[in-house]
């Protein structure tokens, strides 16, 4: 499934001019949604979030060409044992509960580290 996400460009990022920063709305693609559902062993319609707002634009993996996405965040959290499937599914249905520190992000397709750190801005509903 990750290989399909690597080949499918995501929808264009929307830029948001916030009070204290610039936000980048990563709109969830159907390939990302399917990849996340497979990671969490659930159906795609259980992933109801439309996307997330990050502090930077998506990156393109230097190794395989996959765009960074919410599927990478889920993959990393699972691989590192940071969050349970149930916790992540709740976030993907209702949004994040708290702020989170910036994270290094590994490509869920090939394991290469994306350039920079990634931060989800949790407080903006849409």
PDB file of N, CA and C in Angstrom:
ATOM      1  N   UNK A   1       0.826  -1.200   0.000  1.00  0.00           N
ATOM      2  CA  UNK A   1       0.000   0.000   0.000  1.00  0.00           C
ATOM      3  C   UNK A   1       0.860   1.250   0.000  1.00  0.00           C
ATOM      4  N   UNK A   2       1.977   1.237   0.723  1.00  0.00           N
ATOM      5  CA  UNK A   2       2.837   2.416   0.782  1.00  0.00           C
ATOM      6  C   UNK A   2       3.394   2.743  -0.592  1.00  0.00           C
ATOM      7  N   UNK A   3       3.661   1.718  -1.412  1.00  0.00           N
ATOM      8  CA  UNK A   3       4.177   1.983  -2.749  1.00  0.00           C
ATOM      9  C   UNK A   3       3.172   2.776  -3.571  1.00  0.00           C
ATOM     10  N   UNK A   4       1.886   2.495  -3.416  1.00  0.00           N
ATOM     11  CA  UNK A   4       0.863   3.266  -4.129  1.00  0.00           C
ATOM     12  C   UNK A   4       0.863   4.708  -3.655  1.00  0.00           C
ATOM     13  N   UNK A   5       1.023   4.916  -2.348  1.00  0.00           N
ATOM     14  CA  UNK A   5       1.070   6.276  -1.810  1.00  0.00           C
ATOM     15  C   UNK A   5       2.284   7.014  -2.345  1.00  0.00           C
ATOM     16  N   UNK A   6       3.383   6.289  -2.591  1.00  0.00           N
ATOM     17  CA  UNK A   6       4.594   6.922  -3.101  1.00  0.00           C
ATOM     18  C   UNK A   6       4.387   7.428  -4.520  1.00  0.00           C
ATOM     19  N   UNK A   7       3.546   6.773  -5.281  1.00  0.00           N
ATOM     20  CA  UNK A   7       3.353   7.128  -6.680  1.00  0.00           C
ATOM     21  C   UNK A   7       2.215   8.116  -6.900  1.00  0.00           C
ATOM     22  N   UNK A   8       1.385   8.312  -5.916  1.00  0.00           N
ATOM     23  CA  UNK A   8       0.220   9.177  -6.055  1.00  0.00           C
ATOM     24  C   UNK A   8       0.485  10.514  -5.384  1.00  0.00           C
ATOM     25  N   UNK A   9       0.623  11.600  -6.170  1.00  0.00           N
ATOM     26  CA  UNK A   9       0.835  12.902  -5.524  1.00  0.00           C
ATOM     27  C   UNK A   9      -0.385  13.288  -4.691  1.00  0.00           C
ATOM     28  N   UNK A  10      -0.163  13.862  -3.509  1.00  0.00           N
ATOM     29  CA  UNK A  10      -1.289  14.283  -2.668  1.00  0.00           C
ATOM     30  C   UNK A  10      -1.938  15.543  -3.222  1.00  0.00           C
ATOM     31  N   UNK A  11      -3.121  15.880  -2.727  1.00  0.00           N
ATOM     32  CA  UNK A  11      -3.734  17.154  -3.124  1.00  0.00           C
ATOM     33  C   UNK A  11      -2.800  18.309  -2.759  1.00  0.00           C
ATOM     34  N   UNK A  12      -2.914  19.432  -3.452  1.00  0.00           N
ATOM     35  CA  UNK A  12      -2.048  20.580  -3.140  1.00  0.00           C
ATOM     36  C   UNK A  12      -2.216  21.033  -1.690  1.00  0.00           C
ATOM     37  N   UNK A  13      -1.109  21.439  -1.095  1.00  0.00           N
ATOM     38  CA  UNK A  13      -1.116  21.972   0.266  1.00  0.00           C
ATOM     39  C   UNK A  13      -1.773  23.343   0.261  1.00  0.00           C
ATOM     40  N   UNK A  14      -2.618  23.600   1.246  1.00  0.00           N
ATOM     41  CA  UNK A  14      -3.222  24.924   1.414  1.00  0.00           C
ATOM     42  C   UNK A  14      -2.417  25.678   2.462  1.00  0.00           C
ATOM     43  N   UNK A  15      -2.045  26.920   2.169  1.00  0.00           N
ATOM     44  CA  UNK A  15      -1.262  27.733   3.099  1.00  0.00           C
ATOM     45  C   UNK A  15      -2.208  28.597   3.918  1.00  0.00           C
ATOM     46  N   UNK A  16      -2.008  28.579   5.240  1.00  0.00           N
ATOM     47  CA  UNK A  16      -2.832  29.346   6.172  1.00  0.00           C
ATOM     48  C   UNK A  16      -1.954  30.371   6.874  1.00  0.00           C
ATOM     49  N   UNK A  17      -2.390  31.615   6.885  1.00  0.00           N
ATOM     50  CA  UNK A  17      -1.650  32.665   7.584  1.00  0.00           C
ATOM     51  C   UNK A  17      -2.262  32.816   8.970  1.00  0.00           C
ATOM     52  N   UNK A  18      -1.573  32.265   9.961  1.00  0.00           N
ATOM     53  CA  UNK A  18      -2.058  32.243  11.336  1.00  0.00           C
ATOM     54  C   UNK A  18      -1.509  33.446  12.095  1.00  0.00           C
ATOM     55  N   UNK A  19      -1.995  33.647  13.301  1.00  0.00           N
ATOM     56  CA  UNK A  19      -1.544  34.784  14.110  1.00  0.00           C
ATOM     57  C   UNK A  19      -0.040  34.769  14.356  1.00  0.00           C
ATOM     58  N   UNK A  20       0.500  33.619  14.681  1.00  0.00           N
ATOM     59  CA  UNK A  20       1.905  33.550  15.075  1.00  0.00           C
ATOM     60  C   UNK A  20       2.779  32.749  14.120  1.00  0.00           C
ATOM     61  N   UNK A  21       2.206  32.137  13.116  1.00  0.00           N
ATOM     62  CA  UNK A  21       2.987  31.284  12.220  1.00  0.00           C
ATOM     63  C   UNK A  21       2.228  31.074  10.918  1.00  0.00           C
ATOM     64  N   UNK A  22       2.874  30.391  10.011  1.00  0.00           N
ATOM     65  CA  UNK A  22       2.225  29.944   8.787  1.00  0.00           C
ATOM     66  C   UNK A  22       1.913  28.466   8.954  1.00  0.00           C
ATOM     67  N   UNK A  23       0.685  28.078   8.624  1.00  0.00           N
ATOM     68  CA  UNK A  23       0.289  26.682   8.690  1.00  0.00           C
ATOM     69  C   UNK A  23       0.124  26.118   7.291  1.00  0.00           C
ATOM     70  N   UNK A  24       0.335  24.849   7.169  1.00  0.00           N
ATOM     71  CA  UNK A  24       0.213  24.161   5.885  1.00  0.00           C
ATOM     72  C   UNK A  24      -0.783  23.024   6.053  1.00  0.00           C
ATOM     73  N   UNK A  25      -1.898  23.129   5.364  1.00  0.00           N
ATOM     74  CA  UNK A  25      -2.954  22.119   5.461  1.00  0.00           C
ATOM     75  C   UNK A  25      -2.621  20.979   4.510  1.00  0.00           C
ATOM     76  N   UNK A  26      -2.297  19.829   5.105  1.00  0.00           N
ATOM     77  CA  UNK A  26      -2.043  18.628   4.331  1.00  0.00           C
ATOM     78  C   UNK A  26      -3.375  17.902   4.186  1.00  0.00           C
ATOM     79  N   UNK A  27      -3.960  17.958   3.026  1.00  0.00           N
ATOM     80  CA  UNK A  27      -5.241  17.296   2.781  1.00  0.00           C
ATOM     81  C   UNK A  27      -4.967  15.811   2.535  1.00  0.00           C
ATOM     82  N   UNK A  28      -5.681  14.982   3.255  1.00  0.00           N
ATOM     83  CA  UNK A  28      -5.468  13.541   3.196  1.00  0.00           C
ATOM     84  C   UNK A  28      -5.913  12.990   1.845  1.00  0.00           C
ATOM     85  N   UNK A  29      -5.008  12.315   1.149  1.00  0.00           N
ATOM     86  CA  UNK A  29      -5.356  11.681  -0.124  1.00  0.00           C
ATOM     87  C   UNK A  29      -5.994  10.319   0.148  1.00  0.00           C
ATOM     88  N   UNK A  30      -6.668   9.795  -0.844  1.00  0.00           N
ATOM     89  CA  UNK A  30      -7.266   8.463  -0.686  1.00  0.00           C
ATOM     90  C   UNK A  30      -6.190   7.398  -0.506  1.00  0.00           C
ATOM     91  N   UNK A  31      -5.032   7.570  -1.156  1.00  0.00           N
ATOM     92  CA  UNK A  31      -3.931   6.617  -0.979  1.00  0.00           C
ATOM     93  C   UNK A  31      -3.416   6.654   0.460  1.00  0.00           C
ATOM     94  N   UNK A  32      -3.273   7.863   1.030  1.00  0.00           N
ATOM     95  CA  UNK A  32      -2.852   7.981   2.435  1.00  0.00           C
ATOM     96  C   UNK A  32      -3.886   7.347   3.362  1.00  0.00           C
ATOM     97  N   UNK A  33      -5.163   7.653   3.101  1.00  0.00           N
ATOM     98  CA  UNK A  33      -6.244   7.113   3.937  1.00  0.00           C
ATOM     99  C   UNK A  33      -6.198   5.575   3.926  1.00  0.00           C
ATOM    100  N   UNK A  34      -6.018   4.993   2.746  1.00  0.00           N
ATOM    101  CA  UNK A  34      -5.952   3.532   2.630  1.00  0.00           C
ATOM    102  C   UNK A  34      -4.713   2.985   3.343  1.00  0.00           C
ATOM    103  N   UNK A  35      -3.595   3.690   3.215  1.00  0.00           N
ATOM    104  CA  UNK A  35      -2.367   3.246   3.880  1.00  0.00           C
ATOM    105  C   UNK A  35      -2.536   3.289   5.397  1.00  0.00           C
ATOM    106  N   UNK A  36      -3.111   4.377   5.909  1.00  0.00           N
ATOM    107  CA  UNK A  36      -3.353   4.495   7.349  1.00  0.00           C
ATOM    108  C   UNK A  36      -4.299   3.393   7.823  1.00  0.00           C
ATOM    109  N   UNK A  37      -5.362   3.150   7.072  1.00  0.00           N
ATOM    110  CA  UNK A  37      -6.316   2.099   7.450  1.00  0.00           C
ATOM    111  C   UNK A  37      -5.619   0.745   7.524  1.00  0.00           C
ATOM    112  N   UNK A  38      -4.729   0.467   6.576  1.00  0.00           N
ATOM    113  CA  UNK A  38      -4.016  -0.815   6.617  1.00  0.00           C
ATOM    114  C   UNK A  38      -3.067  -0.875   7.820  1.00  0.00           C
ATOM    115  N   UNK A  39      -2.423   0.247   8.148  1.00  0.00           N
ATOM    116  CA  UNK A  39      -1.530   0.279   9.313  1.00  0.00           C
ATOM    117  C   UNK A  39      -2.293   0.030  10.611  1.00  0.00           C
ATOM    118  N   UNK A  40      -3.508   0.591  10.698  1.00  0.00           N
ATOM    119  CA  UNK A  40      -4.316   0.472  11.913  1.00  0.00           C
ATOM    120  C   UNK A  40      -5.285  -0.708  11.870  1.00  0.00           C
ATOM    121  N   UNK A  41      -5.232  -1.478  10.782  1.00  0.00           N
ATOM    122  CA  UNK A  41      -6.086  -2.661  10.614  1.00  0.00           C
ATOM    123  C   UNK A  41      -7.564  -2.308  10.775  1.00  0.00           C
ATOM    124  N   UNK A  42      -7.978  -1.298  10.015  1.00  0.00           N
ATOM    125  CA  UNK A  42      -9.368  -0.856  10.047  1.00  0.00           C
ATOM    126  C   UNK A  42      -9.815  -0.543   8.622  1.00  0.00           C
ATOM    127  N   UNK A  43     -11.050  -0.136   8.478  1.00  0.00           N
ATOM    128  CA  UNK A  43     -11.596   0.233   7.172  1.00  0.00           C
ATOM    129  C   UNK A  43     -11.275   1.697   6.876  1.00  0.00           C
ATOM    130  N   UNK A  44     -11.192   2.046   5.597  1.00  0.00           N
ATOM    131  CA  UNK A  44     -10.863   3.426   5.227  1.00  0.00           C
ATOM    132  C   UNK A  44     -11.904   4.420   5.726  1.00  0.00           C
ATOM    133  N   UNK A  45     -13.173   4.016   5.781  1.00  0.00           N
ATOM    134  CA  UNK A  45     -14.204   4.963   6.229  1.00  0.00           C
ATOM    135  C   UNK A  45     -14.124   5.249   7.730  1.00  0.00           C
ATOM    136  N   UNK A  46     -13.298   4.505   8.463  1.00  0.00           N
ATOM    137  CA  UNK A  46     -13.084   4.800   9.884  1.00  0.00           C
ATOM    138  C   UNK A  46     -12.150   6.000  10.068  1.00  0.00           C
ATOM    139  N   UNK A  47     -11.378   6.324   9.029  1.00  0.00           N
ATOM    140  CA  UNK A  47     -10.453   7.463   9.073  1.00  0.00           C
ATOM    141  C   UNK A  47     -11.236   8.672   8.567  1.00  0.00           C
ATOM    142  N   UNK A  48     -11.819   9.439   9.480  1.00  0.00           N
ATOM    143  CA  UNK A  48     -12.737  10.516   9.083  1.00  0.00           C
ATOM    144  C   UNK A  48     -12.085  11.889   8.999  1.00  0.00           C
ATOM    145  N   UNK A  49     -10.874  12.034   9.493  1.00  0.00           N
ATOM    146  CA  UNK A  49     -10.199  13.328   9.432  1.00  0.00           C
ATOM    147  C   UNK A  49      -9.927  13.686   7.969  1.00  0.00           C
ATOM    148  N   UNK A  50     -10.071  14.960   7.626  1.00  0.00           N
ATOM    149  CA  UNK A  50      -9.845  15.400   6.245  1.00  0.00           C
ATOM    150  C   UNK A  50      -8.382  15.696   5.958  1.00  0.00           C
ATOM    151  N   UNK A  51      -7.621  15.915   7.001  1.00  0.00           N
ATOM    152  CA  UNK A  51      -6.205  16.237   6.862  1.00  0.00           C
ATOM    153  C   UNK A  51      -5.700  16.814   8.161  1.00  0.00           C
ATOM    154  N   UNK A  52      -4.523  17.383   8.110  1.00  0.00           N
ATOM    155  CA  UNK A  52      -3.952  17.996   9.305  1.00  0.00           C
ATOM    156  C   UNK A  52      -3.208  19.262   8.916  1.00  0.00           C
ATOM    157  N   UNK A  53      -2.969  20.111   9.902  1.00  0.00           N
ATOM    158  CA  UNK A  53      -2.276  21.367   9.659  1.00  0.00           C
ATOM    159  C   UNK A  53      -0.902  21.268  10.298  1.00  0.00           C
ATOM    160  N   UNK A  54       0.119  21.432   9.478  1.00  0.00           N
ATOM    161  CA  UNK A  54       1.504  21.281   9.913  1.00  0.00           C
ATOM    162  C   UNK A  54       2.214  22.630   9.848  1.00  0.00           C
ATOM    163  N   UNK A  55       3.410  22.679  10.412  1.00  0.00           N
ATOM    164  CA  UNK A  55       4.184  23.917  10.395  1.00  0.00           C
ATOM    165  C   UNK A  55       5.083  24.022   9.168  1.00  0.00           C
ATOM    166  N   UNK A  56       5.011  23.059   8.269  1.00  0.00           N
ATOM    167  CA  UNK A  56       5.784  23.111   7.034  1.00  0.00           C
ATOM    168  C   UNK A  56       5.064  22.352   5.934  1.00  0.00           C
ATOM    169  N   UNK A  57       5.472  22.620   4.704  1.00  0.00           N
ATOM    170  CA  UNK A  57       4.897  21.911   3.569  1.00  0.00           C
ATOM    171  C   UNK A  57       5.344  20.456   3.587  1.00  0.00           C
ATOM    172  N   UNK A  58       4.652  19.651   2.797  1.00  0.00           N
ATOM    173  CA  UNK A  58       5.058  18.253   2.649  1.00  0.00           C
ATOM    174  C   UNK A  58       6.460  18.213   2.047  1.00  0.00           C
ATOM    175  N   UNK A  59       7.193  17.206   2.408  1.00  0.00           N
ATOM    176  CA  UNK A  59       8.508  16.958   1.826  1.00  0.00           C
ATOM    177  C   UNK A  59       8.378  15.765   0.878  1.00  0.00           C
ATOM    178  N   UNK A  60       9.330  15.653  -0.028  1.00  0.00           N
ATOM    179  CA  UNK A  60       9.394  14.502  -0.918  1.00  0.00           C
ATOM    180  C   UNK A  60      10.606  13.687  -0.497  1.00  0.00           C
ATOM    181  N   UNK A  61      10.397  12.416  -0.257  1.00  0.00           N
ATOM    182  CA  UNK A  61      11.478  11.539   0.181  1.00  0.00           C
ATOM    183  C   UNK A  61      12.593  11.531  -0.867  1.00  0.00           C
ATOM    184  N   UNK A  62      13.811  11.792  -0.416  1.00  0.00           N
ATOM    185  CA  UNK A  62      14.963  11.822  -1.313  1.00  0.00           C
ATOM    186  C   UNK A  62      15.295  10.435  -1.858  1.00  0.00           C
ATOM    187  N   UNK A  63      14.832   9.391  -1.188  1.00  0.00           N
ATOM    188  CA  UNK A  63      15.165   8.029  -1.603  1.00  0.00           C
ATOM    189  C   UNK A  63      14.127   7.429  -2.552  1.00  0.00           C
ATOM    190  N   UNK A  64      12.826   7.533  -2.195  1.00  0.00           N
ATOM    191  CA  UNK A  64      11.803   6.845  -3.002  1.00  0.00           C
ATOM    192  C   UNK A  64      10.799   7.778  -3.678  1.00  0.00           C
ATOM    193  N   UNK A  65      10.770   9.056  -3.297  1.00  0.00           N
ATOM    194  CA  UNK A  65       9.866  10.007  -3.942  1.00  0.00           C
ATOM    195  C   UNK A  65       8.496  10.141  -3.304  1.00  0.00           C
ATOM    196  N   UNK A  66       8.235   9.410  -2.210  1.00  0.00           N
ATOM    197  CA  UNK A  66       6.935   9.532  -1.541  1.00  0.00           C
ATOM    198  C   UNK A  66       6.845  10.885  -0.845  1.00  0.00           C
ATOM    199  N   UNK A  67       5.684  11.524  -0.943  1.00  0.00           N
ATOM    200  CA  UNK A  67       5.436  12.766  -0.212  1.00  0.00           C
ATOM    201  C   UNK A  67       5.185  12.447   1.260  1.00  0.00           C
ATOM    202  N   UNK A  68       5.726  13.282   2.142  1.00  0.00           N
ATOM    203  CA  UNK A  68       5.440  13.100   3.565  1.00  0.00           C
ATOM    204  C   UNK A  68       3.950  13.285   3.787  1.00  0.00           C
ATOM    205  N   UNK A  69       3.429  12.585   4.770  1.00  0.00           N
ATOM    206  CA  UNK A  69       1.998  12.678   5.025  1.00  0.00           C
ATOM    207  C   UNK A  69       1.625  12.153   6.391  1.00  0.00           C
ATOM    208  N   UNK A  70       0.353  12.237   6.658  1.00  0.00           N
ATOM    209  CA  UNK A  70      -0.179  11.751   7.923  1.00  0.00           C
ATOM    210  C   UNK A  70       0.090  10.254   8.088  1.00  0.00           C
ATOM    211  N   UNK A  71       0.163   9.528   6.980  1.00  0.00           N
ATOM    212  CA  UNK A  71       0.486   8.101   7.062  1.00  0.00           C
ATOM    213  C   UNK A  71       1.886   7.877   7.630  1.00  0.00           C
ATOM    214  N   UNK A  72       2.817   8.791   7.351  1.00  0.00           N
ATOM    215  CA  UNK A  72       4.154   8.673   7.928  1.00  0.00           C
ATOM    216  C   UNK A  72       4.113   8.883   9.438  1.00  0.00           C
ATOM    217  N   UNK A  73       3.310   9.858   9.891  1.00  0.00           N
ATOM    218  CA  UNK A  73       3.176  10.095  11.331  1.00  0.00           C
ATOM    219  C   UNK A  73       2.627   8.850  12.032  1.00  0.00           C
ATOM    220  N   UNK A  74       1.602   8.242  11.444  1.00  0.00           N
ATOM    221  CA  UNK A  74       1.006   7.030  12.024  1.00  0.00           C
ATOM    222  C   UNK A  74       2.018   5.888  12.015  1.00  0.00           C
ATOM    223  N   UNK A  75       2.674   5.692  10.889  1.00  0.00           N
ATOM    224  CA  UNK A  75       3.673   4.628  10.768  1.00  0.00           C
ATOM    225  C   UNK A  75       4.766   4.786  11.816  1.00  0.00           C
ATOM    226  N   UNK A  76       5.281   6.011  11.969  1.00  0.00           N
ATOM    227  CA  UNK A  76       6.352   6.269  12.940  1.00  0.00           C
ATOM    228  C   UNK A  76       5.884   5.981  14.359  1.00  0.00           C
ATOM    229  N   UNK A  77       4.684   6.436  14.715  1.00  0.00           N
ATOM    230  CA  UNK A  77       4.158   6.213  16.068  1.00  0.00           C
ATOM    231  C   UNK A  77       3.997   4.721  16.355  1.00  0.00           C
ATOM    232  N   UNK A  78       3.544   3.961  15.368  1.00  0.00           N
ATOM    233  CA  UNK A  78       3.413   2.513  15.543  1.00  0.00           C
ATOM    234  C   UNK A  78       4.779   1.851  15.670  1.00  0.00           C
ATOM    235  N   UNK A  79       5.689   2.202  14.774  1.00  0.00           N
ATOM    236  CA  UNK A  79       7.009   1.571  14.756  1.00  0.00           C
ATOM    237  C   UNK A  79       7.779   1.832  16.047  1.00  0.00           C
ATOM    238  N   UNK A  80       7.588   3.019  16.618  1.00  0.00           N
ATOM    239  CA  UNK A  80       8.302   3.381  17.847  1.00  0.00           C
ATOM    240  C   UNK A  80       7.527   3.025  19.112  1.00  0.00           C
ATOM    241  N   UNK A  81       6.299   2.522  18.964  1.00  0.00           N
ATOM    242  CA  UNK A  81       5.485   2.151  20.113  1.00  0.00           C
ATOM    243  C   UNK A  81       5.035   3.341  20.942  1.00  0.00           C
ATOM    244  N   UNK A  82       4.890   4.502  20.305  1.00  0.00           N
ATOM    245  CA  UNK A  82       4.538   5.733  21.024  1.00  0.00           C
ATOM    246  C   UNK A  82       3.051   5.785  21.367  1.00  0.00           C
ATOM    247  N   UNK A  83       2.197   5.379  20.429  1.00  0.00           N
ATOM    248  CA  UNK A  83       0.748   5.431  20.642  1.00  0.00           C
ATOM    249  C   UNK A  83       0.124   4.096  20.253  1.00  0.00           C
ATOM    250  N   UNK A  84      -1.009   3.797  20.860  1.00  0.00           N
ATOM    251  CA  UNK A  84      -1.754   2.587  20.510  1.00  0.00           C
ATOM    252  C   UNK A  84      -2.579   2.834  19.253  1.00  0.00           C
ATOM    253  N   UNK A  85      -2.998   1.751  18.619  1.00  0.00           N
ATOM    254  CA  UNK A  85      -3.884   1.854  17.455  1.00  0.00           C
ATOM    255  C   UNK A  85      -5.148   2.626  17.816  1.00  0.00           C
ATOM    256  N   UNK A  86      -5.737   2.308  18.972  1.00  0.00           N
ATOM    257  CA  UNK A  86      -6.974   2.954  19.399  1.00  0.00           C
ATOM    258  C   UNK A  86      -6.809   4.447  19.609  1.00  0.00           C
ATOM    259  N   UNK A  87      -5.698   4.841  20.226  1.00  0.00           N
ATOM    260  CA  UNK A  87      -5.431   6.265  20.443  1.00  0.00           C
ATOM    261  C   UNK A  87      -5.317   6.985  19.101  1.00  0.00           C
ATOM    262  N   UNK A  88      -4.553   6.391  18.173  1.00  0.00           N
ATOM    263  CA  UNK A  88      -4.361   7.045  16.871  1.00  0.00           C
ATOM    264  C   UNK A  88      -5.664   7.106  16.088  1.00  0.00           C
ATOM    265  N   UNK A  89      -6.472   6.059  16.146  1.00  0.00           N
ATOM    266  CA  UNK A  89      -7.751   6.086  15.449  1.00  0.00           C
ATOM    267  C   UNK A  89      -8.643   7.191  16.017  1.00  0.00           C
ATOM    268  N   UNK A  90      -8.634   7.368  17.333  1.00  0.00           N
ATOM    269  CA  UNK A  90      -9.411   8.443  17.950  1.00  0.00           C
ATOM    270  C   UNK A  90      -8.942   9.809  17.443  1.00  0.00           C
ATOM    271  N   UNK A  91      -7.639  10.018  17.352  1.00  0.00           N
ATOM    272  CA  UNK A  91      -7.097  11.283  16.832  1.00  0.00           C
ATOM    273  C   UNK A  91      -7.507  11.476  15.374  1.00  0.00           C
ATOM    274  N   UNK A  92      -7.511  10.394  14.605  1.00  0.00           N
ATOM    275  CA  UNK A  92      -7.861  10.483  13.187  1.00  0.00           C
ATOM    276  C   UNK A  92      -9.361  10.661  12.963  1.00  0.00           C
ATOM    277  N   UNK A  93     -10.140  10.499  14.008  1.00  0.00           N
ATOM    278  CA  UNK A  93     -11.579  10.736  13.927  1.00  0.00           C
ATOM    279  C   UNK A  93     -11.977  12.062  14.561  1.00  0.00           C
ATOM    280  N   UNK A  94     -11.257  12.467  15.613  1.00  0.00           N
ATOM    281  CA  UNK A  94     -11.665  13.641  16.395  1.00  0.00           C
ATOM    282  C   UNK A  94     -10.604  14.724  16.498  1.00  0.00           C
ATOM    283  N   UNK A  95      -9.437  14.501  15.923  1.00  0.00           N
ATOM    284  CA  UNK A  95      -8.358  15.477  15.990  1.00  0.00           C
ATOM    285  C   UNK A  95      -7.494  15.282  17.220  1.00  0.00           C
ATOM    286  N   UNK A  96      -6.321  15.912  17.221  1.00  0.00           N
ATOM    287  CA  UNK A  96      -5.402  15.763  18.350  1.00  0.00           C
ATOM    288  C   UNK A  96      -5.937  16.442  19.599  1.00  0.00           C
ATOM    289  N   UNK A  97      -5.556  15.899  20.744  1.00  0.00           N
ATOM    290  CA  UNK A  97      -6.042  16.416  22.028  1.00  0.00           C
ATOM    291  C   UNK A  97      -5.114  17.472  22.614  1.00  0.00           C
ATOM    292  N   UNK A  98      -3.828  17.341  22.363  1.00  0.00           N
ATOM    293  CA  UNK A  98      -2.828  18.215  22.966  1.00  0.00           C
ATOM    294  C   UNK A  98      -1.772  18.583  21.934  1.00  0.00           C
ATOM    295  N   UNK A  99      -0.952  19.558  22.278  1.00  0.00           N
ATOM    296  CA  UNK A  99       0.175  19.876  21.416  1.00  0.00           C
ATOM    297  C   UNK A  99       1.207  18.765  21.531  1.00  0.00           C
ATOM    298  N   UNK A 100       2.031  18.678  20.534  1.00  0.00           N
ATOM    299  CA  UNK A 100       3.041  17.638  20.465  1.00  0.00           C
ATOM    300  C   UNK A 100       4.365  18.293  20.082  1.00  0.00           C
ATOM    301  N   UNK A 101       5.476  17.771  20.547  1.00  0.00           N
ATOM    302  CA  UNK A 101       6.761  18.353  20.145  1.00  0.00           C
ATOM    303  C   UNK A 101       7.054  18.048  18.680  1.00  0.00           C
ATOM    304  N   UNK A 102       7.953  18.818  18.072  1.00  0.00           N
ATOM    305  CA  UNK A 102       8.359  18.491  16.692  1.00  0.00           C
ATOM    306  C   UNK A 102       8.969  17.088  16.643  1.00  0.00           C
ATOM    307  N   UNK A 103       8.746  16.416  15.533  1.00  0.00           N
ATOM    308  CA  UNK A 103       9.231  15.045  15.367  1.00  0.00           C
ATOM    309  C   UNK A 103      10.111  14.950  14.125  1.00  0.00           C
ATOM    310  N   UNK A 104      11.120  14.081  14.190  1.00  0.00           N
ATOM    311  CA  UNK A 104      11.760  13.625  12.967  1.00  0.00           C
ATOM    312  C   UNK A 104      10.758  12.684  12.321  1.00  0.00           C
ATOM    313  N   UNK A 105      10.762  12.626  11.011  1.00  0.00           N
ATOM    314  CA  UNK A 105       9.760  11.822  10.324  1.00  0.00           C
ATOM    315  C   UNK A 105      10.438  10.904   9.322  1.00  0.00           C
ATOM    316  N   UNK A 106      10.201   9.612   9.495  1.00  0.00           N
ATOM    317  CA  UNK A 106      10.731   8.625   8.565  1.00  0.00           C
ATOM    318  C   UNK A 106       9.682   8.313   7.510  1.00  0.00           C
ATOM    319  N   UNK A 107      10.126   8.160   6.282  1.00  0.00           N
ATOM    320  CA  UNK A 107       9.234   7.787   5.185  1.00  0.00           C
ATOM    321  C   UNK A 107       8.669   6.396   5.471  1.00  0.00           C
ATOM    322  N   UNK A 108       7.360   6.272   5.411  1.00  0.00           N
ATOM    323  CA  UNK A 108       6.724   4.978   5.686  1.00  0.00           C
ATOM    324  C   UNK A 108       6.879   4.001   4.528  1.00  0.00           C
ATOM    325  N   UNK A 109       7.388   4.469   3.401  1.00  0.00           N
ATOM    326  CA  UNK A 109       7.597   3.597   2.255  1.00  0.00           C
ATOM    327  C   UNK A 109       8.973   2.933   2.286  1.00  0.00           C
ATOM    328  N   UNK A 110      10.015   3.720   2.639  1.00  0.00           N
ATOM    329  CA  UNK A 110      11.373   3.179   2.553  1.00  0.00           C
ATOM    330  C   UNK A 110      12.201   3.353   3.821  1.00  0.00           C
ATOM    331  N   UNK A 111      11.717   4.130   4.797  1.00  0.00           N
ATOM    332  CA  UNK A 111      12.443   4.317   6.045  1.00  0.00           C
ATOM    333  C   UNK A 111      13.429   5.468   6.050  1.00  0.00           C
ATOM    334  N   UNK A 112      13.596   6.147   4.933  1.00  0.00           N
ATOM    335  CA  UNK A 112      14.495   7.308   4.857  1.00  0.00           C
ATOM    336  C   UNK A 112      13.935   8.452   5.701  1.00  0.00           C
ATOM    337  N   UNK A 113      14.807   9.187   6.384  1.00  0.00           N
ATOM    338  CA  UNK A 113      14.342  10.320   7.187  1.00  0.00           C
ATOM    339  C   UNK A 113      14.101  11.527   6.293  1.00  0.00           C
ATOM    340  N   UNK A 114      12.894  12.110   6.417  1.00  0.00           N
ATOM    341  CA  UNK A 114      12.594  13.345   5.701  1.00  0.00           C
ATOM    342  C   UNK A 114      13.413  14.475   6.306  1.00  0.00           C
ATOM    343  N   UNK A 115      13.741  15.461   5.491  1.00  0.00           N
ATOM    344  CA  UNK A 115      14.510  16.614   5.950  1.00  0.00           C
ATOM    345  C   UNK A 115      13.682  17.465   6.913  1.00  0.00           C
ATOM    346  N   UNK A 116      14.297  17.923   7.990  1.00  0.00           N
ATOM    347  CA  UNK A 116      13.638  18.813   8.939  1.00  0.00           C
ATOM    348  C   UNK A 116      12.846  18.062   9.993  1.00  0.00           C
ATOM    349  N   UNK A 117      12.187  18.842  10.856  1.00  0.00           N
ATOM    350  CA  UNK A 117      11.296  18.265  11.857  1.00  0.00           C
ATOM    351  C   UNK A 117       9.867  18.674  11.535  1.00  0.00           C
ATOM    352  N   UNK A 118       8.917  17.900  12.020  1.00  0.00           N
ATOM    353  CA  UNK A 118       7.517  18.056  11.657  1.00  0.00           C
ATOM    354  C   UNK A 118       6.678  18.280  12.900  1.00  0.00           C
ATOM    355  N   UNK A 119       5.793  19.261  12.832  1.00  0.00           N
ATOM    356  CA  UNK A 119       4.938  19.602  13.963  1.00  0.00           C
ATOM    357  C   UNK A 119       3.506  19.781  13.480  1.00  0.00           C
ATOM    358  N   UNK A 120       2.580  19.032  14.075  1.00  0.00           N
ATOM    359  CA  UNK A 120       1.148  19.137  13.793  1.00  0.00           C
ATOM    360  C   UNK A 120       0.592  20.243  14.671  1.00  0.00           C
ATOM    361  N   UNK A 121      -0.079  21.229  14.071  1.00  0.00           N
ATOM    362  CA  UNK A 121      -0.724  22.305  14.826  1.00  0.00           C
ATOM    363  C   UNK A 121      -2.116  21.807  15.207  1.00  0.00           C
ATOM    364  N   UNK A 122      -2.345  21.469  16.476  1.00  0.00           N
ATOM    365  CA  UNK A 122      -3.577  20.777  16.860  1.00  0.00           C
ATOM    366  C   UNK A 122      -4.795  21.653  17.086  1.00  0.00           C
ATOM    367  N   UNK A 123      -4.623  22.933  17.287  1.00  0.00           N
ATOM    368  CA  UNK A 123      -5.725  23.744  17.805  1.00  0.00           C
ATOM    369  C   UNK A 123      -6.637  24.334  16.743  1.00  0.00           C
ATOM    370  N   UNK A 124      -6.412  24.023  15.494  1.00  0.00           N
ATOM    371  CA  UNK A 124      -7.207  24.638  14.439  1.00  0.00           C
ATOM    372  C   UNK A 124      -8.231  23.665  13.864  1.00  0.00           C
ATOM    373  N   UNK A 125      -9.507  23.859  14.147  1.00  0.00           N
ATOM    374  CA  UNK A 125     -10.531  22.993  13.551  1.00  0.00           C
ATOM    375  C   UNK A 125     -10.777  23.385  12.097  1.00  0.00           C
ATOM    376  N   UNK A 126     -11.190  22.416  11.281  1.00  0.00           N
ATOM    377  CA  UNK A 126     -11.595  22.728   9.911  1.00  0.00           C
ATOM    378  C   UNK A 126     -12.417  21.618   9.325  1.00  0.00           C
TER     379      UNK A 126
END
